[in-house]
């Protein structure tokens, strides 16, 4: 059975757009994630995935891809769905958080691709902690 996570991400993104809010994506960075390393803090990054901040945004079932300007240059960003920790509105914090399980190869210290600093925005993402391994949803404020 397919995960509900990409469908929920798309729904929150659409809700943000309908409300005039800016959707932010909290990501747990690993070697499979292509993001600007300069903004990665404690293995996490928050990206502005609003329609005005991205170009060719695709919220797929396996990954989220888009182009954003980093240091004045367009750069393709790739975020596997499994690495998304949260999606929420910048203006009021409403959204959802997701459990992200660490993979052994990510813990081995592989570095993600590096790019220049971004106007897409970055800050630590709120992430829940839970040890059961079962997926759950949390309201992000």
Protein backbone atom coordinates (compact mmCIF):
# COMPACT_ATOMS: atom_id res chain seq x y z
CA UNK A 1 0.00 0.00 0.00
CA UNK A 2 1.27 3.49 -0.86
CA UNK A 3 2.15 5.95 1.88
CA UNK A 4 -0.28 8.77 2.63
CA UNK A 5 2.63 11.15 3.33
CA UNK A 6 2.99 12.63 -0.20
CA UNK A 7 -0.78 13.15 -0.42
CA UNK A 8 -0.84 14.96 2.93
CA UNK A 9 2.12 17.12 1.91
CA UNK A 10 0.30 18.14 -1.30
CA UNK A 11 -2.89 18.87 0.66
CA UNK A 12 -1.14 21.14 3.18
CA UNK A 13 0.73 22.86 0.34
CA UNK A 14 -2.54 23.52 -1.49
CA UNK A 15 -4.22 24.73 1.72
CA UNK A 16 -1.35 27.18 2.30
CA UNK A 17 -1.71 28.52 -1.26
CA UNK A 18 -5.49 28.89 -0.88
CA UNK A 19 -5.04 30.83 2.38
CA UNK A 20 -2.29 33.06 0.97
CA UNK A 21 0.26 31.51 3.34
CA UNK A 22 3.85 30.53 2.62
CA UNK A 23 4.43 26.75 2.85
CA UNK A 24 7.69 25.73 4.53
CA UNK A 25 9.13 22.25 4.27
CA UNK A 26 11.18 20.86 7.16
CA UNK A 27 13.71 18.30 5.91
CA UNK A 28 16.06 15.87 7.66
CA UNK A 29 19.11 16.06 5.41
CA UNK A 30 21.12 13.01 4.34
CA UNK A 31 23.14 11.95 1.29
CA UNK A 32 19.96 11.47 -0.80
CA UNK A 33 18.87 15.08 -0.22
CA UNK A 34 20.12 17.81 -2.55
CA UNK A 35 19.91 21.09 -0.61
CA UNK A 36 22.20 24.02 0.22
CA UNK A 37 24.55 22.69 2.91
CA UNK A 38 25.27 26.17 4.22
CA UNK A 39 21.80 26.25 5.77
CA UNK A 40 21.79 22.75 7.21
CA UNK A 41 21.69 23.02 11.02
CA UNK A 42 21.89 19.88 13.14
CA UNK A 43 21.08 17.79 10.06
CA UNK A 44 17.90 19.73 9.26
CA UNK A 45 16.85 22.48 6.86
CA UNK A 46 13.63 24.40 6.27
CA UNK A 47 12.85 25.40 2.69
CA UNK A 48 10.29 27.86 1.37
CA UNK A 49 8.28 25.82 -1.15
CA UNK A 50 5.84 28.58 -2.05
CA UNK A 51 4.97 29.05 -5.70
CA UNK A 52 6.77 32.42 -5.77
CA UNK A 53 10.00 30.96 -4.31
CA UNK A 54 10.18 27.89 -6.56
CA UNK A 55 10.23 27.10 -10.26
CA UNK A 56 8.97 23.83 -11.74
CA UNK A 57 7.77 22.59 -8.34
CA UNK A 58 6.76 18.93 -8.43
CA UNK A 59 5.31 17.37 -5.30
CA UNK A 60 5.62 13.75 -6.37
CA UNK A 61 4.97 10.48 -4.55
CA UNK A 62 8.69 9.64 -4.24
CA UNK A 63 10.37 13.03 -4.12
CA UNK A 64 9.85 16.78 -4.17
CA UNK A 65 11.78 18.61 -6.87
CA UNK A 66 12.04 22.26 -7.79
CA UNK A 67 14.45 24.96 -8.81
CA UNK A 68 15.18 27.85 -6.49
CA UNK A 69 17.65 30.69 -6.51
CA UNK A 70 20.64 30.14 -4.27
CA UNK A 71 23.23 32.90 -4.20
CA UNK A 72 21.62 34.42 -7.28
CA UNK A 73 21.83 31.19 -9.32
CA UNK A 74 19.10 28.70 -10.16
CA UNK A 75 19.74 25.29 -8.61
CA UNK A 76 17.70 22.07 -8.73
CA UNK A 77 16.60 20.86 -5.29
CA UNK A 78 15.68 17.22 -4.65
CA UNK A 79 14.05 16.08 -1.42
CA UNK A 80 12.97 12.44 -1.07
CA UNK A 81 9.51 12.23 0.52
CA UNK A 82 10.91 9.98 3.24
CA UNK A 83 13.18 12.87 4.40
CA UNK A 84 10.31 15.36 4.91
CA UNK A 85 9.87 16.04 8.63
CA UNK A 86 7.15 18.71 8.38
CA UNK A 87 5.17 21.03 6.15
CA UNK A 88 3.58 24.11 7.65
CA UNK A 89 2.52 27.71 7.02
CA UNK A 90 5.18 30.27 7.91
CA UNK A 91 2.58 32.80 9.00
CA UNK A 92 0.82 30.75 11.68
CA UNK A 93 2.72 27.45 12.03
CA UNK A 94 -0.30 25.32 11.07
CA UNK A 95 0.61 22.10 9.31
CA UNK A 96 1.84 18.55 9.92
CA UNK A 97 4.98 16.88 11.18
CA UNK A 98 6.10 13.41 10.13
CA UNK A 99 8.39 10.86 11.65
CA UNK A 100 11.62 10.43 9.73
CA UNK A 101 13.50 7.24 10.43
CA UNK A 102 17.26 7.32 10.02
CA UNK A 103 18.83 4.85 7.62
CA UNK A 104 22.17 3.20 8.41
CA UNK A 105 23.95 4.76 5.39
CA UNK A 106 22.78 8.24 6.45
CA UNK A 107 24.28 7.74 9.89
CA UNK A 108 27.61 6.72 8.34
CA UNK A 109 28.34 10.37 7.61
CA UNK A 110 27.71 10.72 3.88
CA UNK A 111 27.47 14.40 3.01
CA UNK A 112 24.68 15.94 0.91
CA UNK A 113 25.40 17.99 -2.22
CA UNK A 114 26.65 21.50 -1.54
CA UNK A 115 25.32 24.70 -3.13
CA UNK A 116 25.41 28.42 -2.48
CA UNK A 117 23.24 30.15 0.21
CA UNK A 118 19.57 30.57 -0.64
CA UNK A 119 16.72 32.98 -0.68
CA UNK A 120 14.50 29.93 -0.17
CA UNK A 121 15.02 30.33 3.58
CA UNK A 122 16.34 28.00 6.21
CA UNK A 123 15.86 27.36 9.91
CA UNK A 124 15.63 24.30 12.16
CA UNK A 125 12.45 22.28 11.61
CA UNK A 126 10.31 21.21 14.54
CA UNK A 127 10.30 17.43 14.63
CA UNK A 128 8.55 15.05 17.01
CA UNK A 129 10.38 12.29 18.80
CA UNK A 130 8.88 8.85 19.14
CA UNK A 131 10.40 5.43 19.51
CA UNK A 132 7.65 3.05 18.33
CA UNK A 133 8.51 3.28 14.61
CA UNK A 134 4.83 3.70 13.68
CA UNK A 135 3.88 6.75 11.61
CA UNK A 136 1.94 9.51 13.33
CA UNK A 137 0.81 13.07 12.71
CA UNK A 138 1.45 16.06 14.90
CA UNK A 139 0.15 19.59 14.62
CA UNK A 140 3.04 22.01 14.08
CA UNK A 141 2.77 25.41 15.72
